[in-house]
Amino acid sequence: MVLRKPRMVGGGGDGMDVLQYEVLQETAAVLARLGRKLQDALDGLAAFDAAPPAGWTADDRDALVRAAGEALWYYVVQREVMRIPATDAMLRELGVPREVRLRMGLNRGPSVW
């Protein structure tokens, strides 16, 4: 999303246009950071499934699923705050596994955040 800096017509504005611009800029940056964290969590889970490291257990995989579910939750909440529609399409586009969707929410164990 590309945002242009607002122009203050007449120069006598109260600065709200600039404030709104900065708020939009920050919410977009937060969404981008959360999207990267979600993708990293999904990539970590996919890498584990492709070649589980020696000595890892089902609990280790479960922790990856929980972390991905928590990352998904933060990402979806931020999208909703920004009123971005089509959550189902986003889930399909990112290839979010069903088990991660079902675990979406705050992690009950130690948080990865």
C-alpha atoms as a PDB file:
ATOM      1  CA  MET A   1       0.000   0.000   0.000  1.00  0.00           C
ATOM      2  CA  VAL A   2       1.482   3.310  -1.074  1.00  0.00           C
ATOM      3  CA  LEU A   3       0.527   6.401   0.840  1.00  0.00           C
ATOM      4  CA  ARG A   4       1.265   9.943  -0.191  1.00  0.00           C
ATOM      5  CA  LYS A   5       2.015  12.589   2.385  1.00  0.00           C
ATOM      6  CA  PRO A   6      -1.061  14.761   2.907  1.00  0.00           C
ATOM      7  CA  ARG A   7      -1.106  18.312   1.732  1.00  0.00           C
ATOM      8  CA  MET A   8      -2.315  20.939   4.134  1.00  0.00           C
ATOM      9  CA  VAL A   9      -4.533  23.187   2.043  1.00  0.00           C
ATOM     10  CA  GLY A  10      -4.124  26.785   3.119  1.00  0.00           C
ATOM     11  CA  GLY A  11      -1.435  25.871   5.628  1.00  0.00           C
ATOM     12  CA  GLY A  12      -3.719  26.634   8.569  1.00  0.00           C
ATOM     13  CA  GLY A  13      -4.793  23.086   9.358  1.00  0.00           C
ATOM     14  CA  ASP A  14      -4.660  21.580  12.793  1.00  0.00           C
ATOM     15  CA  GLY A  15      -2.312  18.800  11.797  1.00  0.00           C
ATOM     16  CA  MET A  16      -4.902  16.009  11.836  1.00  0.00           C
ATOM     17  CA  ASP A  17      -4.171  15.079   8.224  1.00  0.00           C
ATOM     18  CA  VAL A  18      -0.530  14.525   9.093  1.00  0.00           C
ATOM     19  CA  LEU A  19      -1.475  12.534  12.209  1.00  0.00           C
ATOM     20  CA  GLN A  20      -3.878  10.335  10.242  1.00  0.00           C
ATOM     21  CA  TYR A  21      -1.174   9.714   7.668  1.00  0.00           C
ATOM     22  CA  GLU A  22       1.304   8.656  10.355  1.00  0.00           C
ATOM     23  CA  VAL A  23      -1.254   6.347  11.992  1.00  0.00           C
ATOM     24  CA  LEU A  24      -1.978   4.679   8.643  1.00  0.00           C
ATOM     25  CA  GLN A  25       1.725   4.356   7.973  1.00  0.00           C
ATOM     26  CA  GLU A  26       2.331   2.703  11.348  1.00  0.00           C
ATOM     27  CA  THR A  27      -0.603   0.290  11.073  1.00  0.00           C
ATOM     28  CA  ALA A  28       0.629  -0.780   7.639  1.00  0.00           C
ATOM     29  CA  ALA A  29       4.141  -1.305   9.028  1.00  0.00           C
ATOM     30  CA  VAL A  30       2.745  -3.410  11.893  1.00  0.00           C
ATOM     31  CA  LEU A  31       0.806  -5.558   9.415  1.00  0.00           C
ATOM     32  CA  ALA A  32       3.974  -6.087   7.386  1.00  0.00           C
ATOM     33  CA  ARG A  33       5.964  -7.132  10.480  1.00  0.00           C
ATOM     34  CA  LEU A  34       3.223  -9.507  11.615  1.00  0.00           C
ATOM     35  CA  GLY A  35       3.023 -10.942   8.108  1.00  0.00           C
ATOM     36  CA  ARG A  36       6.743 -11.684   8.149  1.00  0.00           C
ATOM     37  CA  LYS A  37       6.441 -13.367  11.562  1.00  0.00           C
ATOM     38  CA  LEU A  38       3.533 -15.465  10.315  1.00  0.00           C
ATOM     39  CA  GLN A  39       5.431 -16.499   7.193  1.00  0.00           C
ATOM     40  CA  ASP A  40       8.496 -17.387   9.274  1.00  0.00           C
ATOM     41  CA  ALA A  41       6.346 -19.542  11.576  1.00  0.00           C
ATOM     42  CA  LEU A  42       4.705 -21.296   8.617  1.00  0.00           C
ATOM     43  CA  ASP A  43       8.093 -21.839   6.961  1.00  0.00           C
ATOM     44  CA  GLY A  44       9.499 -23.313  10.184  1.00  0.00           C
ATOM     45  CA  LEU A  45       6.601 -25.749  10.434  1.00  0.00           C
ATOM     46  CA  ALA A  46       6.917 -26.735   6.776  1.00  0.00           C
ATOM     47  CA  ALA A  47      10.674 -27.283   7.156  1.00  0.00           C
ATOM     48  CA  PHE A  48      10.071 -29.478  10.202  1.00  0.00           C
ATOM     49  CA  ASP A  49       7.491 -31.532   8.316  1.00  0.00           C
ATOM     50  CA  ALA A  50       9.768 -31.902   5.287  1.00  0.00           C
ATOM     51  CA  ALA A  51      12.759 -33.119   7.290  1.00  0.00           C
ATOM     52  CA  PRO A  52      12.241 -33.465  11.045  1.00  0.00           C
ATOM     53  CA  PRO A  53      15.522 -32.885  12.875  1.00  0.00           C
ATOM     54  CA  ALA A  54      16.950 -35.863  14.724  1.00  0.00           C
ATOM     55  CA  GLY A  55      15.862 -36.027  18.325  1.00  0.00           C
ATOM     56  CA  TRP A  56      12.824 -33.806  17.932  1.00  0.00           C
ATOM     57  CA  THR A  57       9.538 -34.978  19.447  1.00  0.00           C
ATOM     58  CA  ALA A  58       5.829 -34.511  18.823  1.00  0.00           C
ATOM     59  CA  ASP A  59       5.904 -31.840  21.537  1.00  0.00           C
ATOM     60  CA  ASP A  60       8.455 -29.883  19.502  1.00  0.00           C
ATOM     61  CA  ARG A  61       6.183 -29.982  16.454  1.00  0.00           C
ATOM     62  CA  ASP A  62       3.207 -29.017  18.590  1.00  0.00           C
ATOM     63  CA  ALA A  63       5.147 -25.961  19.779  1.00  0.00           C
ATOM     64  CA  LEU A  64       5.692 -24.950  16.137  1.00  0.00           C
ATOM     65  CA  VAL A  65       1.970 -25.327  15.407  1.00  0.00           C
ATOM     66  CA  ARG A  66       1.101 -23.274  18.512  1.00  0.00           C
ATOM     67  CA  ALA A  67       3.563 -20.551  17.486  1.00  0.00           C
ATOM     68  CA  ALA A  68       2.117 -20.451  13.969  1.00  0.00           C
ATOM     69  CA  GLY A  69      -1.416 -20.288  15.389  1.00  0.00           C
ATOM     70  CA  GLU A  70      -0.467 -17.369  17.600  1.00  0.00           C
ATOM     71  CA  ALA A  71       1.257 -15.558  14.712  1.00  0.00           C
ATOM     72  CA  LEU A  72      -1.839 -16.128  12.568  1.00  0.00           C
ATOM     73  CA  TRP A  73      -4.060 -14.721  15.305  1.00  0.00           C
ATOM     74  CA  TYR A  74      -2.026 -11.512  15.587  1.00  0.00           C
ATOM     75  CA  TYR A  75      -2.011 -11.123  11.789  1.00  0.00           C
ATOM     76  CA  VAL A  76      -5.764 -11.659  11.417  1.00  0.00           C
ATOM     77  CA  VAL A  77      -6.555  -9.260  14.269  1.00  0.00           C
ATOM     78  CA  GLN A  78      -4.393  -6.538  12.677  1.00  0.00           C
ATOM     79  CA  ARG A  79      -6.120  -7.090   9.324  1.00  0.00           C
ATOM     80  CA  GLU A  80      -9.492  -6.714  11.036  1.00  0.00           C
ATOM     81  CA  VAL A  81      -8.366  -3.510  12.756  1.00  0.00           C
ATOM     82  CA  MET A  82      -7.459  -2.187   9.312  1.00  0.00           C
ATOM     83  CA  ARG A  83     -10.785  -3.463   7.909  1.00  0.00           C
ATOM     84  CA  ILE A  84      -9.086  -5.573   5.267  1.00  0.00           C
ATOM     85  CA  PRO A  85     -11.598  -8.085   3.867  1.00  0.00           C
ATOM     86  CA  ALA A  86     -11.132 -11.570   2.424  1.00  0.00           C
ATOM     87  CA  THR A  87      -9.513 -13.382   5.338  1.00  0.00           C
ATOM     88  CA  ASP A  88     -10.359 -16.756   3.779  1.00  0.00           C
ATOM     89  CA  ALA A  89      -8.597 -15.786   0.549  1.00  0.00           C
ATOM     90  CA  MET A  90      -5.541 -14.670   2.533  1.00  0.00           C
ATOM     91  CA  LEU A  91      -5.451 -17.998   4.390  1.00  0.00           C
ATOM     92  CA  ARG A  92      -5.550 -19.883   1.087  1.00  0.00           C
ATOM     93  CA  GLU A  93      -2.953 -17.629  -0.537  1.00  0.00           C
ATOM     94  CA  LEU A  94      -0.518 -18.099   2.346  1.00  0.00           C
ATOM     95  CA  GLY A  95      -1.211 -21.830   2.454  1.00  0.00           C
ATOM     96  CA  VAL A  96      -2.083 -21.820   6.158  1.00  0.00           C
ATOM     97  CA  PRO A  97      -2.629 -25.463   7.178  1.00  0.00           C
ATOM     98  CA  ARG A  98      -5.959 -26.405   8.740  1.00  0.00           C
ATOM     99  CA  GLU A  99      -4.298 -27.417  12.007  1.00  0.00           C
ATOM    100  CA  VAL A 100      -2.758 -23.940  12.313  1.00  0.00           C
ATOM    101  CA  ARG A 101      -6.143 -22.319  11.624  1.00  0.00           C
ATOM    102  CA  LEU A 102      -7.682 -24.458  14.358  1.00  0.00           C
ATOM    103  CA  ARG A 103      -4.933 -23.402  16.798  1.00  0.00           C
ATOM    104  CA  MET A 104      -5.298 -19.712  15.984  1.00  0.00           C
ATOM    105  CA  GLY A 105      -5.277 -17.712  19.209  1.00  0.00           C
ATOM    106  CA  LEU A 106      -3.070 -16.747  22.080  1.00  0.00           C
ATOM    107  CA  ASN A 107      -0.524 -19.378  22.971  1.00  0.00           C
ATOM    108  CA  ARG A 108      -1.235 -20.843  26.385  1.00  0.00           C
ATOM    109  CA  GLY A 109       2.415 -21.755  26.885  1.00  0.00           C
ATOM    110  CA  PRO A 110       5.437 -19.470  26.871  1.00  0.00           C
ATOM    111  CA  SER A 111       4.907 -16.913  24.124  1.00  0.00           C
ATOM    112  CA  VAL A 112       7.266 -16.625  21.177  1.00  0.00           C
ATOM    113  CA  TRP A 113       6.611 -12.880  21.054  1.00  0.00           C
END
